[in-house]
């Protein structure tokens, strides 16, 4: 059992139907559900999701809860964006996914992205002034988007009224999930409207 209970929290994971890194989707979803959170997995379509291991080897098949076009983002406490090169590259070009990112940010709710997942944040134009990490190959994209990139297992940045949690690879999942647990334990209930302007401070 997790140290931090997430009972009653709702988490939305967004992916495409092919190429998401297996452990970056399956491990957080199982972890959060075991902690009592309700987790929906939204994919581009309602077809099964083919995960990959290391971008090459077939991983487990996952059945999405719903399609991205069907998501009402207002009822969720946290947005989870797994990586995988193919998944993240396709996701950032899918308008409903990018709009979901903007919805969470504008309402001040936490976003957690790992590996190549921050590509969606760059595409949404929400990382300027933030500090984050990612898979190393995204460093230049993140810097060009006006963010501060650091090489750490997990970075939590609450500047500008919304919390961004990022990690580099599946090797960082323990730290990543610990930061998510902490965010959910302290998260306010989802509410529409502009991002709140005070409260959290940047921690690395």
N, C-alpha and C. Protein backbone atom coordinates (compact mmCIF):
# COMPACT_ATOMS: atom_id res chain seq x y z
N UNK A 1 0.85 -1.19 0.00
CA UNK A 1 0.00 0.00 0.00
C UNK A 1 0.88 1.24 0.00
N UNK A 2 0.41 2.32 -0.63
CA UNK A 2 1.19 3.53 -0.73
C UNK A 2 1.17 4.31 0.59
N UNK A 3 2.21 5.09 0.80
CA UNK A 3 2.27 5.92 1.99
C UNK A 3 1.21 7.01 1.98
N UNK A 4 0.85 7.48 0.78
CA UNK A 4 -0.13 8.55 0.65
C UNK A 4 -1.37 7.99 -0.03
N UNK A 5 -2.50 8.02 0.66
CA UNK A 5 -3.74 7.52 0.09
C UNK A 5 -4.30 8.53 -0.91
N UNK A 6 -4.85 8.03 -2.01
CA UNK A 6 -5.45 8.88 -3.04
C UNK A 6 -6.94 8.62 -3.17
N UNK A 7 -7.56 8.08 -2.12
CA UNK A 7 -8.97 7.74 -2.18
C UNK A 7 -9.80 8.96 -2.55
N UNK A 8 -10.66 8.78 -3.52
CA UNK A 8 -11.55 9.85 -3.94
C UNK A 8 -10.99 10.74 -5.01
N UNK A 9 -9.72 10.62 -5.32
CA UNK A 9 -9.12 11.45 -6.37
C UNK A 9 -9.38 10.83 -7.73
N UNK A 10 -9.43 11.68 -8.74
CA UNK A 10 -9.62 11.21 -10.11
C UNK A 10 -8.45 11.68 -10.97
N UNK A 11 -7.87 10.75 -11.70
CA UNK A 11 -6.70 11.02 -12.53
C UNK A 11 -7.02 10.65 -13.96
N UNK A 12 -6.57 11.48 -14.89
CA UNK A 12 -6.75 11.23 -16.31
C UNK A 12 -5.38 11.00 -16.95
N UNK A 13 -5.17 9.83 -17.56
CA UNK A 13 -3.96 9.55 -18.32
C UNK A 13 -4.29 9.66 -19.81
N UNK A 14 -3.47 10.37 -20.57
CA UNK A 14 -3.74 10.58 -22.00
C UNK A 14 -2.61 9.96 -22.83
N UNK A 15 -3.01 9.20 -23.85
CA UNK A 15 -2.05 8.49 -24.70
C UNK A 15 -2.61 8.36 -26.11
N UNK A 16 -1.77 7.90 -27.03
CA UNK A 16 -2.26 7.45 -28.32
C UNK A 16 -2.43 5.93 -28.24
N UNK A 17 -2.85 5.32 -29.32
CA UNK A 17 -3.12 3.87 -29.30
C UNK A 17 -1.91 3.02 -29.63
N UNK A 18 -0.77 3.67 -29.91
CA UNK A 18 0.42 2.90 -30.23
C UNK A 18 1.66 3.65 -29.76
N UNK A 19 2.53 2.96 -29.05
CA UNK A 19 3.86 3.48 -28.79
C UNK A 19 4.11 4.05 -27.42
N UNK A 20 3.12 4.05 -26.54
CA UNK A 20 3.39 4.54 -25.19
C UNK A 20 4.32 3.57 -24.48
N UNK A 21 5.28 4.10 -23.72
CA UNK A 21 6.20 3.26 -22.97
C UNK A 21 5.42 2.49 -21.91
N UNK A 22 5.54 1.16 -21.95
CA UNK A 22 4.70 0.29 -21.13
C UNK A 22 4.67 0.71 -19.65
N UNK A 23 5.83 0.78 -19.01
CA UNK A 23 5.85 1.01 -17.58
C UNK A 23 5.43 2.43 -17.20
N UNK A 24 5.58 3.38 -18.12
CA UNK A 24 5.20 4.75 -17.82
C UNK A 24 3.68 4.94 -17.82
N UNK A 25 2.96 4.00 -18.40
CA UNK A 25 1.50 4.00 -18.31
C UNK A 25 1.01 3.02 -17.26
N UNK A 26 1.44 1.77 -17.38
CA UNK A 26 0.86 0.71 -16.55
C UNK A 26 1.24 0.86 -15.08
N UNK A 27 2.49 1.18 -14.79
CA UNK A 27 2.91 1.28 -13.39
C UNK A 27 2.18 2.41 -12.65
N UNK A 28 2.12 3.64 -13.21
CA UNK A 28 1.36 4.68 -12.50
C UNK A 28 -0.13 4.36 -12.36
N UNK A 29 -0.74 3.80 -13.40
CA UNK A 29 -2.17 3.49 -13.31
C UNK A 29 -2.43 2.48 -12.20
N UNK A 30 -1.64 1.42 -12.16
CA UNK A 30 -1.82 0.42 -11.10
C UNK A 30 -1.55 1.00 -9.72
N UNK A 31 -0.49 1.77 -9.61
CA UNK A 31 -0.13 2.39 -8.34
C UNK A 31 -1.26 3.27 -7.81
N UNK A 32 -1.80 4.11 -8.68
CA UNK A 32 -2.83 5.04 -8.25
C UNK A 32 -4.13 4.33 -7.92
N UNK A 33 -4.48 3.34 -8.70
CA UNK A 33 -5.70 2.59 -8.40
C UNK A 33 -5.57 1.83 -7.08
N UNK A 34 -4.40 1.28 -6.82
CA UNK A 34 -4.19 0.59 -5.55
C UNK A 34 -4.29 1.56 -4.36
N UNK A 35 -3.97 2.83 -4.61
CA UNK A 35 -4.06 3.85 -3.56
C UNK A 35 -5.47 4.40 -3.40
N UNK A 36 -6.39 3.94 -4.25
CA UNK A 36 -7.78 4.36 -4.11
C UNK A 36 -8.24 5.42 -5.08
N UNK A 37 -7.38 5.82 -6.01
CA UNK A 37 -7.78 6.82 -7.00
C UNK A 37 -8.56 6.16 -8.13
N UNK A 38 -9.46 6.92 -8.73
CA UNK A 38 -10.13 6.49 -9.96
C UNK A 38 -9.31 7.01 -11.14
N UNK A 39 -8.85 6.11 -11.99
CA UNK A 39 -7.98 6.49 -13.10
C UNK A 39 -8.64 6.13 -14.41
N UNK A 40 -8.81 7.12 -15.26
CA UNK A 40 -9.28 6.90 -16.63
C UNK A 40 -8.10 6.99 -17.58
N UNK A 41 -8.05 6.10 -18.54
CA UNK A 41 -7.03 6.13 -19.59
C UNK A 41 -7.73 6.53 -20.88
N UNK A 42 -7.41 7.70 -21.40
CA UNK A 42 -8.02 8.20 -22.62
C UNK A 42 -7.03 8.09 -23.77
N UNK A 43 -7.45 7.43 -24.84
CA UNK A 43 -6.62 7.27 -26.04
C UNK A 43 -7.27 7.98 -27.22
N UNK A 44 -6.56 8.04 -28.31
CA UNK A 44 -7.12 8.72 -29.49
C UNK A 44 -8.40 8.06 -29.96
N UNK A 45 -8.45 6.73 -29.86
CA UNK A 45 -9.67 6.00 -30.19
C UNK A 45 -9.95 5.01 -29.08
N UNK A 46 -11.08 4.33 -29.16
CA UNK A 46 -11.44 3.34 -28.14
C UNK A 46 -10.81 1.97 -28.41
N UNK A 47 -9.98 1.87 -29.44
CA UNK A 47 -9.28 0.61 -29.73
C UNK A 47 -8.22 0.33 -28.67
N UNK A 48 -7.80 -0.92 -28.53
CA UNK A 48 -6.76 -1.25 -27.54
C UNK A 48 -5.47 -0.46 -27.78
N UNK A 49 -4.77 -0.22 -26.71
CA UNK A 49 -3.50 0.51 -26.74
C UNK A 49 -2.36 -0.48 -26.76
N UNK A 50 -1.51 -0.40 -27.77
CA UNK A 50 -0.31 -1.22 -27.84
C UNK A 50 0.83 -0.47 -27.19
N UNK A 51 1.28 -0.93 -26.04
CA UNK A 51 2.44 -0.32 -25.41
C UNK A 51 3.72 -0.91 -25.99
N UNK A 52 4.81 -0.21 -25.81
CA UNK A 52 6.12 -0.69 -26.24
C UNK A 52 7.09 -0.61 -25.06
N UNK A 53 8.13 -1.40 -25.14
CA UNK A 53 9.21 -1.37 -24.16
C UNK A 53 10.46 -0.87 -24.86
N UNK A 54 10.97 0.27 -24.43
CA UNK A 54 12.15 0.85 -25.06
C UNK A 54 11.91 1.27 -26.49
N UNK A 55 10.68 1.64 -26.81
CA UNK A 55 10.30 2.12 -28.15
C UNK A 55 10.35 1.05 -29.23
N UNK A 56 10.69 -0.19 -28.88
CA UNK A 56 10.87 -1.19 -29.93
C UNK A 56 10.12 -2.49 -29.66
N UNK A 57 10.21 -3.02 -28.45
CA UNK A 57 9.63 -4.33 -28.16
C UNK A 57 8.16 -4.21 -27.76
N UNK A 58 7.30 -5.10 -28.28
CA UNK A 58 5.88 -5.05 -27.91
C UNK A 58 5.70 -5.24 -26.40
N UNK A 59 4.84 -4.43 -25.82
CA UNK A 59 4.51 -4.53 -24.41
C UNK A 59 3.08 -5.01 -24.23
N UNK A 60 2.55 -4.80 -23.04
CA UNK A 60 1.19 -5.22 -22.73
C UNK A 60 0.17 -4.39 -23.52
N UNK A 61 -0.96 -5.03 -23.81
CA UNK A 61 -2.09 -4.32 -24.39
C UNK A 61 -2.92 -3.73 -23.25
N UNK A 62 -3.39 -2.52 -23.44
CA UNK A 62 -4.21 -1.83 -22.45
C UNK A 62 -5.50 -1.37 -23.12
N UNK A 63 -6.61 -1.55 -22.44
CA UNK A 63 -7.90 -1.09 -22.98
C UNK A 63 -8.21 0.28 -22.41
N UNK A 64 -8.39 1.28 -23.27
CA UNK A 64 -8.69 2.62 -22.77
C UNK A 64 -10.08 2.68 -22.13
N UNK A 65 -10.24 3.62 -21.24
CA UNK A 65 -11.54 3.87 -20.64
C UNK A 65 -12.46 4.62 -21.59
N UNK A 66 -11.88 5.54 -22.34
CA UNK A 66 -12.65 6.36 -23.27
C UNK A 66 -11.71 6.99 -24.29
N UNK A 67 -12.31 7.61 -25.31
CA UNK A 67 -11.53 8.30 -26.33
C UNK A 67 -11.27 9.73 -25.89
N UNK A 68 -10.17 10.29 -26.36
CA UNK A 68 -9.81 11.65 -25.98
C UNK A 68 -10.91 12.65 -26.32
N UNK A 69 -11.59 12.44 -27.43
CA UNK A 69 -12.65 13.37 -27.83
C UNK A 69 -13.85 13.33 -26.90
N UNK A 70 -13.95 12.30 -26.05
CA UNK A 70 -15.08 12.15 -25.14
C UNK A 70 -14.81 12.70 -23.74
N UNK A 71 -13.59 13.14 -23.50
CA UNK A 71 -13.19 13.52 -22.14
C UNK A 71 -13.80 14.86 -21.74
N UNK A 72 -14.37 14.90 -20.54
CA UNK A 72 -14.72 16.16 -19.87
C UNK A 72 -13.66 16.39 -18.81
N UNK A 73 -12.72 17.30 -19.05
CA UNK A 73 -11.58 17.42 -18.14
C UNK A 73 -11.93 18.00 -16.77
N UNK A 74 -13.12 18.56 -16.61
CA UNK A 74 -13.42 19.31 -15.39
C UNK A 74 -13.50 18.44 -14.15
N UNK A 75 -13.69 17.13 -14.30
CA UNK A 75 -13.88 16.27 -13.15
C UNK A 75 -12.63 15.59 -12.62
N UNK A 76 -11.46 15.97 -13.12
CA UNK A 76 -10.22 15.27 -12.74
C UNK A 76 -9.32 16.15 -11.89
N UNK A 77 -8.58 15.50 -11.01
CA UNK A 77 -7.67 16.20 -10.10
C UNK A 77 -6.26 16.35 -10.67
N UNK A 78 -5.86 15.47 -11.59
CA UNK A 78 -4.49 15.48 -12.10
C UNK A 78 -4.46 14.87 -13.49
N UNK A 79 -3.61 15.43 -14.34
CA UNK A 79 -3.39 14.92 -15.70
C UNK A 79 -2.06 14.21 -15.75
N UNK A 80 -2.06 12.97 -16.23
CA UNK A 80 -0.85 12.17 -16.38
C UNK A 80 -0.53 11.99 -17.86
N UNK A 81 0.71 12.33 -18.23
CA UNK A 81 1.15 12.22 -19.63
C UNK A 81 2.36 11.30 -19.69
N UNK A 82 2.16 10.02 -20.01
CA UNK A 82 3.30 9.10 -20.15
C UNK A 82 4.10 9.41 -21.42
N UNK A 83 5.27 8.78 -21.52
CA UNK A 83 6.12 9.00 -22.67
C UNK A 83 6.08 7.86 -23.67
N UNK A 84 7.26 7.58 -24.20
CA UNK A 84 7.38 6.73 -25.38
C UNK A 84 7.47 7.65 -26.58
N UNK A 85 8.54 7.53 -27.35
CA UNK A 85 8.79 8.49 -28.43
C UNK A 85 7.64 8.57 -29.41
N UNK A 86 7.17 7.43 -29.91
CA UNK A 86 6.11 7.43 -30.91
C UNK A 86 4.81 7.97 -30.34
N UNK A 87 4.49 7.56 -29.13
CA UNK A 87 3.28 8.04 -28.48
C UNK A 87 3.31 9.55 -28.30
N UNK A 88 4.38 10.05 -27.72
CA UNK A 88 4.45 11.48 -27.40
C UNK A 88 4.49 12.34 -28.65
N UNK A 89 5.17 11.88 -29.68
CA UNK A 89 5.24 12.64 -30.92
C UNK A 89 3.86 12.76 -31.57
N UNK A 90 3.10 11.67 -31.56
CA UNK A 90 1.75 11.71 -32.13
C UNK A 90 0.79 12.49 -31.24
N UNK A 91 0.95 12.36 -29.93
CA UNK A 91 0.03 13.02 -29.01
C UNK A 91 0.10 14.53 -29.13
N UNK A 92 1.31 15.07 -29.31
CA UNK A 92 1.44 16.52 -29.38
C UNK A 92 0.84 17.11 -30.65
N UNK A 93 0.55 16.25 -31.63
CA UNK A 93 -0.08 16.70 -32.87
C UNK A 93 -1.59 16.49 -32.86
N UNK A 94 -2.11 15.96 -31.76
CA UNK A 94 -3.54 15.67 -31.64
C UNK A 94 -4.21 16.79 -30.84
N UNK A 95 -5.02 17.60 -31.51
CA UNK A 95 -5.58 18.80 -30.89
C UNK A 95 -6.33 18.54 -29.58
N UNK A 96 -7.18 17.51 -29.50
CA UNK A 96 -7.88 17.29 -28.21
C UNK A 96 -6.92 17.08 -27.04
N UNK A 97 -5.80 16.41 -27.28
CA UNK A 97 -4.83 16.20 -26.21
C UNK A 97 -4.18 17.51 -25.78
N UNK A 98 -3.81 18.33 -26.74
CA UNK A 98 -3.19 19.62 -26.43
C UNK A 98 -4.17 20.52 -25.69
N UNK A 99 -5.44 20.49 -26.10
CA UNK A 99 -6.44 21.31 -25.41
C UNK A 99 -6.68 20.82 -23.99
N UNK A 100 -6.57 19.52 -23.76
CA UNK A 100 -6.69 19.00 -22.40
C UNK A 100 -5.59 19.56 -21.51
N UNK A 101 -4.37 19.60 -22.03
CA UNK A 101 -3.25 20.17 -21.27
C UNK A 101 -3.57 21.61 -20.89
N UNK A 102 -4.03 22.39 -21.84
CA UNK A 102 -4.33 23.80 -21.57
C UNK A 102 -5.45 23.95 -20.55
N UNK A 103 -6.42 23.03 -20.60
CA UNK A 103 -7.53 23.09 -19.65
C UNK A 103 -7.05 22.88 -18.22
N UNK A 104 -6.18 21.89 -18.02
CA UNK A 104 -5.66 21.65 -16.67
C UNK A 104 -4.83 22.83 -16.18
N UNK A 105 -3.98 23.34 -17.05
CA UNK A 105 -3.12 24.45 -16.65
C UNK A 105 -3.94 25.69 -16.32
N UNK A 106 -4.93 26.01 -17.15
CA UNK A 106 -5.71 27.24 -16.94
C UNK A 106 -6.54 27.18 -15.67
N UNK A 107 -6.86 25.98 -15.21
CA UNK A 107 -7.65 25.85 -13.98
C UNK A 107 -6.78 25.54 -12.76
N UNK A 108 -5.47 25.55 -12.94
CA UNK A 108 -4.56 25.40 -11.81
C UNK A 108 -4.40 24.01 -11.27
N UNK A 109 -4.72 22.98 -12.09
CA UNK A 109 -4.60 21.61 -11.60
C UNK A 109 -3.27 20.99 -12.00
N UNK A 110 -2.79 20.01 -11.21
CA UNK A 110 -1.47 19.43 -11.48
C UNK A 110 -1.41 18.64 -12.79
N UNK A 111 -0.24 18.69 -13.40
CA UNK A 111 0.07 17.90 -14.59
C UNK A 111 1.37 17.15 -14.30
N UNK A 112 1.38 15.84 -14.58
CA UNK A 112 2.57 15.01 -14.38
C UNK A 112 2.96 14.38 -15.71
N UNK A 113 4.18 14.63 -16.16
CA UNK A 113 4.64 14.12 -17.45
C UNK A 113 6.01 13.49 -17.29
N UNK A 114 6.22 12.38 -17.97
CA UNK A 114 7.48 11.65 -17.84
C UNK A 114 8.07 11.35 -19.21
N UNK A 115 9.39 11.33 -19.28
CA UNK A 115 10.13 10.93 -20.47
C UNK A 115 9.87 11.90 -21.63
N UNK A 116 9.24 11.44 -22.72
CA UNK A 116 8.90 12.31 -23.84
C UNK A 116 7.56 13.01 -23.65
N UNK A 117 6.87 12.72 -22.56
CA UNK A 117 5.57 13.32 -22.30
C UNK A 117 5.56 14.84 -22.34
N UNK A 118 6.60 15.54 -21.85
CA UNK A 118 6.59 17.00 -21.89
C UNK A 118 6.47 17.62 -23.28
N UNK A 119 6.65 16.84 -24.35
CA UNK A 119 6.41 17.38 -25.68
C UNK A 119 5.02 17.99 -25.79
N UNK A 120 4.02 17.36 -25.18
CA UNK A 120 2.65 17.90 -25.24
C UNK A 120 2.56 19.24 -24.54
N UNK A 121 3.33 19.41 -23.48
CA UNK A 121 3.35 20.69 -22.76
C UNK A 121 3.99 21.79 -23.59
N UNK A 122 5.07 21.43 -24.29
CA UNK A 122 5.71 22.39 -25.18
C UNK A 122 4.74 22.80 -26.28
N UNK A 123 4.06 21.82 -26.87
CA UNK A 123 3.11 22.11 -27.95
C UNK A 123 1.97 23.00 -27.45
N UNK A 124 1.55 22.80 -26.20
CA UNK A 124 0.46 23.59 -25.64
C UNK A 124 0.90 25.00 -25.26
N UNK A 125 2.19 25.25 -25.27
CA UNK A 125 2.70 26.58 -24.96
C UNK A 125 2.58 26.98 -23.51
N UNK A 126 2.76 26.01 -22.60
CA UNK A 126 2.52 26.29 -21.18
C UNK A 126 3.77 26.20 -20.30
N UNK A 127 4.94 25.95 -20.90
CA UNK A 127 6.12 25.71 -20.06
C UNK A 127 7.02 26.92 -19.86
N UNK A 128 6.73 28.02 -20.49
CA UNK A 128 7.59 29.20 -20.36
C UNK A 128 7.70 29.60 -18.89
N UNK A 129 8.93 29.73 -18.41
CA UNK A 129 9.17 30.11 -17.04
C UNK A 129 9.16 28.97 -16.04
N UNK A 130 8.83 27.75 -16.50
CA UNK A 130 8.80 26.60 -15.59
C UNK A 130 10.17 25.91 -15.55
N UNK A 131 10.38 25.15 -14.51
CA UNK A 131 11.56 24.29 -14.42
C UNK A 131 11.09 22.85 -14.51
N UNK A 132 11.72 22.06 -15.39
CA UNK A 132 11.29 20.68 -15.57
C UNK A 132 12.43 19.82 -16.07
N UNK A 133 12.16 18.52 -16.07
CA UNK A 133 13.08 17.56 -16.65
C UNK A 133 12.33 16.72 -17.66
N UNK A 134 13.03 15.82 -18.33
CA UNK A 134 12.43 15.00 -19.38
C UNK A 134 13.50 14.01 -19.85
N UNK A 135 13.15 13.22 -20.84
CA UNK A 135 14.18 12.46 -21.55
C UNK A 135 15.16 13.46 -22.15
N UNK A 136 16.43 13.13 -22.12
CA UNK A 136 17.46 14.11 -22.43
C UNK A 136 17.32 14.73 -23.82
N UNK A 137 16.77 13.99 -24.78
CA UNK A 137 16.68 14.51 -26.15
C UNK A 137 15.69 15.66 -26.29
N UNK A 138 14.85 15.88 -25.28
CA UNK A 138 13.88 16.99 -25.34
C UNK A 138 14.47 18.30 -24.81
N UNK A 139 15.68 18.25 -24.30
CA UNK A 139 16.26 19.41 -23.63
C UNK A 139 16.20 20.68 -24.49
N UNK A 140 16.62 20.59 -25.74
CA UNK A 140 16.66 21.77 -26.60
C UNK A 140 15.25 22.29 -26.87
N UNK A 141 14.30 21.40 -27.13
CA UNK A 141 12.91 21.83 -27.35
C UNK A 141 12.38 22.58 -26.14
N UNK A 142 12.67 22.06 -24.95
CA UNK A 142 12.17 22.68 -23.73
C UNK A 142 12.83 24.03 -23.49
N UNK A 143 14.13 24.12 -23.71
CA UNK A 143 14.82 25.40 -23.57
C UNK A 143 14.29 26.42 -24.57
N UNK A 144 14.06 25.98 -25.79
CA UNK A 144 13.55 26.89 -26.82
C UNK A 144 12.13 27.37 -26.51
N UNK A 145 11.40 26.61 -25.70
CA UNK A 145 10.05 27.00 -25.30
C UNK A 145 10.06 27.94 -24.10
N UNK A 146 11.26 28.29 -23.61
CA UNK A 146 11.37 29.26 -22.53
C UNK A 146 11.39 28.68 -21.14
N UNK A 147 11.59 27.36 -21.03
CA UNK A 147 11.64 26.70 -19.73
C UNK A 147 13.09 26.44 -19.32
N UNK A 148 13.26 26.07 -18.07
CA UNK A 148 14.57 25.72 -17.51
C UNK A 148 14.62 24.20 -17.40
N UNK A 149 15.53 23.55 -18.12
CA UNK A 149 15.65 22.09 -18.10
C UNK A 149 16.75 21.68 -17.14
N UNK A 150 16.45 20.69 -16.29
CA UNK A 150 17.45 20.17 -15.36
C UNK A 150 17.47 18.65 -15.43
N UNK A 151 18.60 18.08 -15.12
CA UNK A 151 18.79 16.63 -15.17
C UNK A 151 18.62 16.04 -13.78
N UNK A 152 17.39 15.76 -13.39
CA UNK A 152 17.08 15.21 -12.08
C UNK A 152 16.00 14.14 -12.22
N UNK A 153 15.93 13.28 -11.23
CA UNK A 153 14.96 12.18 -11.28
C UNK A 153 13.53 12.69 -11.29
N UNK A 154 13.27 13.72 -10.53
CA UNK A 154 11.93 14.33 -10.53
C UNK A 154 12.07 15.80 -10.21
N UNK A 155 11.22 16.60 -10.86
CA UNK A 155 11.17 18.03 -10.59
C UNK A 155 9.70 18.41 -10.41
N UNK A 156 9.41 19.09 -9.30
CA UNK A 156 8.07 19.61 -9.05
C UNK A 156 8.15 21.13 -9.03
N UNK A 157 7.41 21.77 -9.92
CA UNK A 157 7.44 23.22 -10.05
C UNK A 157 6.02 23.76 -9.93
N UNK A 158 5.77 24.52 -8.87
CA UNK A 158 4.45 25.09 -8.63
C UNK A 158 4.35 26.56 -8.96
N UNK A 159 5.30 27.09 -9.72
CA UNK A 159 5.24 28.49 -10.12
C UNK A 159 4.04 28.74 -11.03
N UNK A 160 3.58 29.98 -11.07
CA UNK A 160 2.49 30.42 -11.95
C UNK A 160 1.15 29.78 -11.62
N UNK A 161 1.01 29.27 -10.38
CA UNK A 161 -0.30 28.81 -9.94
C UNK A 161 -0.70 27.42 -10.34
N UNK A 162 0.21 26.64 -10.94
CA UNK A 162 -0.12 25.24 -11.25
C UNK A 162 1.12 24.39 -11.07
N UNK A 163 0.90 23.18 -10.63
CA UNK A 163 2.00 22.27 -10.32
C UNK A 163 2.32 21.39 -11.51
N UNK A 164 3.60 21.39 -11.91
CA UNK A 164 4.10 20.52 -12.96
C UNK A 164 5.10 19.56 -12.35
N UNK A 165 4.83 18.26 -12.54
CA UNK A 165 5.72 17.19 -12.06
C UNK A 165 6.32 16.51 -13.28
N UNK A 166 7.63 16.41 -13.35
CA UNK A 166 8.28 15.77 -14.49
C UNK A 166 9.38 14.82 -14.04
N UNK A 167 9.59 13.79 -14.84
CA UNK A 167 10.70 12.85 -14.63
C UNK A 167 11.28 12.46 -15.98
N UNK A 168 12.43 11.74 -15.93
CA UNK A 168 13.22 11.50 -17.15
C UNK A 168 12.90 10.20 -17.86
N UNK A 169 12.87 9.10 -17.13
CA UNK A 169 12.75 7.76 -17.74
C UNK A 169 12.01 6.83 -16.78
N UNK A 170 11.69 5.60 -17.21
CA UNK A 170 11.07 4.64 -16.28
C UNK A 170 11.91 4.37 -15.04
N UNK A 171 13.22 4.59 -15.11
CA UNK A 171 14.07 4.39 -13.93
C UNK A 171 13.71 5.35 -12.78
N UNK A 172 13.00 6.43 -13.12
CA UNK A 172 12.64 7.45 -12.12
C UNK A 172 11.22 7.28 -11.60
N UNK A 173 10.57 6.16 -11.91
CA UNK A 173 9.16 6.03 -11.56
C UNK A 173 8.89 6.12 -10.06
N UNK A 174 9.76 5.61 -9.23
CA UNK A 174 9.52 5.69 -7.79
C UNK A 174 9.43 7.15 -7.34
N UNK A 175 10.36 7.97 -7.78
CA UNK A 175 10.35 9.39 -7.42
C UNK A 175 9.15 10.11 -8.05
N UNK A 176 8.86 9.77 -9.29
CA UNK A 176 7.74 10.37 -10.01
C UNK A 176 6.42 10.09 -9.29
N UNK A 177 6.21 8.83 -8.91
CA UNK A 177 4.97 8.46 -8.23
C UNK A 177 4.90 9.06 -6.84
N UNK A 178 6.03 9.19 -6.18
CA UNK A 178 6.03 9.84 -4.88
C UNK A 178 5.56 11.29 -4.97
N UNK A 179 6.02 11.99 -6.01
CA UNK A 179 5.60 13.38 -6.19
C UNK A 179 4.13 13.48 -6.55
N UNK A 180 3.64 12.52 -7.36
CA UNK A 180 2.21 12.50 -7.70
C UNK A 180 1.37 12.24 -6.45
N UNK A 181 1.78 11.28 -5.63
CA UNK A 181 1.06 11.00 -4.39
C UNK A 181 0.95 12.26 -3.53
N UNK A 182 2.06 12.97 -3.41
CA UNK A 182 2.07 14.19 -2.61
C UNK A 182 1.14 15.24 -3.18
N UNK A 183 1.13 15.37 -4.51
CA UNK A 183 0.27 16.35 -5.16
C UNK A 183 -1.20 16.01 -4.94
N UNK A 184 -1.56 14.75 -5.08
CA UNK A 184 -2.94 14.35 -4.91
C UNK A 184 -3.39 14.49 -3.46
N UNK A 185 -2.49 14.26 -2.54
CA UNK A 185 -2.85 14.39 -1.12
C UNK A 185 -3.20 15.83 -0.77
N UNK A 186 -2.58 16.77 -1.49
CA UNK A 186 -2.83 18.18 -1.18
C UNK A 186 -3.67 18.91 -2.20
N UNK A 187 -4.13 18.19 -3.23
CA UNK A 187 -4.83 18.85 -4.32
C UNK A 187 -6.21 19.33 -3.90
N UNK A 188 -6.56 20.52 -4.36
CA UNK A 188 -7.93 20.99 -4.23
C UNK A 188 -8.78 20.29 -5.26
N UNK A 189 -10.06 20.26 -5.05
CA UNK A 189 -10.97 19.66 -6.02
C UNK A 189 -10.95 20.44 -7.31
N UNK A 190 -11.13 19.75 -8.47
CA UNK A 190 -11.11 20.46 -9.75
C UNK A 190 -12.17 21.54 -9.80
N UNK A 191 -11.80 22.67 -10.40
CA UNK A 191 -12.79 23.73 -10.59
C UNK A 191 -12.41 24.49 -11.85
N UNK A 192 -13.39 24.93 -12.62
CA UNK A 192 -13.09 25.68 -13.84
C UNK A 192 -12.61 27.08 -13.51
N UNK A 193 -12.03 27.74 -14.51
CA UNK A 193 -11.62 29.11 -14.32
C UNK A 193 -10.13 29.28 -14.47
N UNK A 194 -9.64 30.51 -14.31
CA UNK A 194 -8.22 30.79 -14.49
C UNK A 194 -7.39 30.17 -13.39
N UNK A 195 -6.11 30.03 -13.67
CA UNK A 195 -5.19 29.44 -12.68
C UNK A 195 -5.15 30.32 -11.45
N UNK A 196 -5.07 29.68 -10.28
CA UNK A 196 -4.93 30.44 -9.05
C UNK A 196 -3.56 31.09 -9.03
N UNK A 197 -3.43 32.20 -8.36
CA UNK A 197 -2.22 32.96 -8.46
C UNK A 197 -1.24 32.82 -7.33
N UNK A 198 -1.55 32.00 -6.33
CA UNK A 198 -0.64 31.93 -5.20
C UNK A 198 -0.68 30.56 -4.59
N UNK A 199 0.24 30.29 -3.70
CA UNK A 199 0.19 29.08 -2.91
C UNK A 199 1.43 28.24 -3.01
N UNK A 200 1.71 27.67 -4.20
CA UNK A 200 2.80 26.72 -4.30
C UNK A 200 4.09 27.41 -4.72
N UNK A 201 5.18 26.80 -4.35
CA UNK A 201 6.49 27.32 -4.72
C UNK A 201 7.30 26.23 -5.40
N UNK A 202 8.23 26.63 -6.19
CA UNK A 202 9.04 25.69 -6.95
C UNK A 202 9.93 24.89 -6.01
N UNK A 203 9.91 23.56 -6.21
CA UNK A 203 10.83 22.68 -5.51
C UNK A 203 11.44 21.74 -6.50
N UNK A 204 12.71 21.46 -6.38
CA UNK A 204 13.38 20.58 -7.34
C UNK A 204 13.45 19.18 -6.79
